[in-house]
Amino acid sequence: MIRVTRRALAAESGAELIEFAIALPILLLVITGILDFAILFQRYEVVSNAAREGARVAILPDFTSDQVKTRIQNYLTASGLTAKAPDPKVTYGTTVLGAGGPTVNIVTVVVKYPHEFVFIGPAMALVGAGSMADITLAASATMRTEAAAAP
């Protein structure tokens, strides 16, 4: 017959392993969340820069909207964003500077890009907490054109 003493029942020899097994998934989730949001922020910066680059091209004389869209797509591709994105929106208009001020011609460029969470989306779907699989990043840039201002 095996005799179990009180001392043997109170031993904590496996407690560290149990604590590690509980803490490891939480730690991994935090680390992958940091990685996912770093990727998200990097892609948002690329989309913002693509909108500014498109606006820079659009304000120059003799450039068409198609050339602006091509420049934006080339910028996104060169930055590693190769997913199918909706066409950028290029809008030409005018605005008044100040109350009763001069009217200037402006160009607004809006760029959208789909983003898929690499780690957090699938992990959240596993636990049934909804899907964070994809969002759309959007950025716009407005610049004054180089054309002569209206009177």
Protein backbone atom coordinates (compact mmCIF):
# COMPACT_ATOMS: atom_id res chain seq x y z
CA MET A 1 0.00 0.00 0.00
CA ILE A 2 1.31 3.44 -0.91
CA ARG A 3 1.32 5.90 1.87
CA VAL A 4 0.82 9.54 0.87
CA THR A 5 1.98 12.07 3.37
CA ARG A 6 0.80 15.60 3.80
CA ARG A 7 4.14 16.87 2.69
CA ALA A 8 3.88 15.10 -0.66
CA LEU A 9 0.42 16.55 -1.29
CA ALA A 10 1.64 20.08 -0.58
CA ALA A 11 4.60 19.89 -2.99
CA GLU A 12 4.72 22.61 -5.66
CA SER A 13 7.12 20.95 -8.05
CA GLY A 14 4.85 21.28 -11.12
CA ALA A 15 3.32 24.69 -10.36
CA GLU A 16 5.69 26.59 -12.65
CA LEU A 17 4.78 24.38 -15.57
CA ILE A 18 1.06 24.92 -15.00
CA GLU A 19 1.53 28.71 -14.69
CA PHE A 20 3.60 28.72 -17.88
CA ALA A 21 0.93 26.72 -19.72
CA ILE A 22 -1.69 29.29 -18.68
CA ALA A 23 0.40 32.38 -19.41
CA LEU A 24 1.94 31.30 -22.75
CA PRO A 25 -1.20 31.58 -24.93
CA ILE A 26 -1.96 35.03 -23.52
CA LEU A 27 1.62 36.16 -24.12
CA LEU A 28 1.58 34.82 -27.68
CA LEU A 29 -1.72 36.59 -28.38
CA VAL A 30 -0.28 39.91 -27.17
CA ILE A 31 2.89 39.50 -29.26
CA THR A 32 0.99 38.56 -32.42
CA GLY A 33 -1.40 41.46 -31.81
CA ILE A 34 1.56 43.83 -31.68
CA LEU A 35 2.87 42.36 -34.94
CA ASP A 36 -0.53 42.64 -36.63
CA PHE A 37 -0.98 46.28 -35.65
CA ALA A 38 2.58 47.08 -36.73
CA ILE A 39 1.77 45.66 -40.17
CA LEU A 40 -1.51 47.63 -40.18
CA PHE A 41 0.28 50.88 -39.32
CA GLN A 42 2.95 50.30 -41.99
CA ARG A 43 0.29 49.67 -44.63
CA TYR A 44 -1.66 52.76 -43.56
CA GLU A 45 1.48 54.85 -43.96
CA VAL A 46 1.99 53.45 -47.47
CA VAL A 47 -1.63 54.24 -48.39
CA SER A 48 -1.25 57.79 -47.01
CA ASN A 49 1.95 58.31 -48.97
CA ALA A 50 0.32 56.91 -52.13
CA ALA A 51 -2.50 59.47 -51.77
CA ARG A 52 0.02 62.28 -51.39
CA GLU A 53 2.04 61.01 -54.35
CA GLY A 54 -1.10 60.89 -56.45
CA ALA A 55 -2.03 64.42 -55.43
CA ARG A 56 1.48 65.64 -56.28
CA VAL A 57 1.14 64.23 -59.79
CA ALA A 58 -2.44 65.46 -60.17
CA ILE A 59 -1.57 69.11 -59.47
CA LEU A 60 0.91 69.27 -62.32
CA PRO A 61 -0.34 70.52 -65.67
CA ASP A 62 -0.91 68.04 -68.50
CA PHE A 63 -1.50 64.99 -66.27
CA THR A 64 -4.72 63.01 -66.59
CA SER A 65 -6.64 61.11 -63.92
CA ASP A 66 -5.58 57.82 -65.51
CA GLN A 67 -1.91 58.77 -65.15
CA VAL A 68 -2.52 59.69 -61.51
CA LYS A 69 -4.20 56.33 -60.85
CA THR A 70 -1.32 54.52 -62.56
CA ARG A 71 1.20 56.39 -60.39
CA ILE A 72 -0.72 55.48 -57.22
CA GLN A 73 -0.93 51.81 -58.22
CA ASN A 74 2.79 51.76 -59.04
CA TYR A 75 3.56 53.28 -55.62
CA LEU A 76 1.44 50.69 -53.83
CA THR A 77 3.01 47.84 -55.79
CA ALA A 78 6.56 49.11 -55.19
CA SER A 79 5.78 49.23 -51.46
CA GLY A 80 4.70 45.59 -51.43
CA LEU A 81 0.93 46.10 -51.38
CA THR A 82 -0.22 43.87 -54.21
CA ALA A 83 -3.81 42.99 -53.22
CA LYS A 84 -6.61 44.12 -55.52
CA ALA A 85 -7.56 47.62 -54.38
CA PRO A 86 -10.44 49.77 -55.59
CA ASP A 87 -9.52 52.46 -58.09
CA PRO A 88 -8.33 55.68 -56.45
CA LYS A 89 -10.76 58.58 -56.65
CA VAL A 90 -9.39 61.81 -58.16
CA THR A 91 -11.60 64.89 -57.77
CA TYR A 92 -10.87 68.30 -59.25
CA GLY A 93 -12.58 71.32 -57.72
CA THR A 94 -12.23 74.83 -56.38
CA THR A 95 -12.26 76.31 -52.92
CA VAL A 96 -12.28 79.80 -51.44
CA LEU A 97 -9.40 80.78 -49.15
CA GLY A 98 -10.85 82.59 -46.17
CA ALA A 99 -13.94 84.76 -46.10
CA GLY A 100 -14.16 86.50 -49.45
CA GLY A 101 -10.62 85.43 -50.33
CA PRO A 102 -9.36 84.21 -53.68
CA THR A 103 -10.59 81.02 -55.30
CA VAL A 104 -8.01 78.31 -55.93
CA ASN A 105 -8.17 75.11 -57.90
CA ILE A 106 -7.63 71.96 -55.83
CA VAL A 107 -7.27 68.24 -56.38
CA THR A 108 -8.40 65.64 -53.85
CA VAL A 109 -7.12 62.08 -54.13
CA VAL A 110 -8.67 59.27 -52.09
CA VAL A 111 -6.90 55.89 -51.91
CA LYS A 112 -8.44 52.79 -50.33
CA TYR A 113 -6.73 49.47 -49.67
CA PRO A 114 -8.06 46.25 -48.12
CA HIS A 115 -6.14 44.97 -45.08
CA GLU A 116 -6.36 41.49 -43.69
CA PHE A 117 -5.19 40.74 -40.15
CA VAL A 118 -2.66 37.93 -40.35
CA PHE A 119 -2.67 36.63 -36.77
CA ILE A 120 -5.45 38.27 -34.77
CA GLY A 121 -8.26 37.64 -37.28
CA PRO A 122 -7.90 33.86 -37.34
CA ALA A 123 -7.23 33.75 -33.59
CA MET A 124 -10.41 35.72 -32.82
CA ALA A 125 -12.41 33.49 -35.15
CA LEU A 126 -11.13 30.41 -33.29
CA VAL A 127 -12.51 31.62 -29.97
CA GLY A 128 -15.77 32.78 -31.55
CA ALA A 129 -15.24 36.44 -30.75
CA GLY A 130 -16.25 37.61 -34.20
CA SER A 131 -14.17 38.19 -37.26
CA MET A 132 -11.54 40.87 -37.59
CA ALA A 133 -10.45 39.34 -40.86
CA ASP A 134 -10.41 42.45 -42.99
CA ILE A 135 -10.81 46.21 -42.90
CA THR A 136 -10.36 48.92 -45.51
CA LEU A 137 -7.62 51.49 -45.04
CA ALA A 138 -8.42 54.88 -46.54
CA ALA A 139 -6.39 58.05 -46.92
CA SER A 140 -6.93 61.28 -48.79
CA ALA A 141 -4.73 64.16 -49.84
CA THR A 142 -5.81 67.59 -51.06
CA MET A 143 -3.40 69.97 -52.82
CA ARG A 144 -3.66 73.21 -54.72
CA THR A 145 -3.06 72.88 -58.46
CA GLU A 146 -0.35 74.69 -60.36
CA ALA A 147 -2.93 76.12 -62.77
CA ALA A 148 -3.77 79.80 -62.62
CA ALA A 149 -6.32 80.69 -59.93
CA ALA A 150 -9.80 81.79 -60.91
CA PRO A 151 -10.65 85.49 -60.43
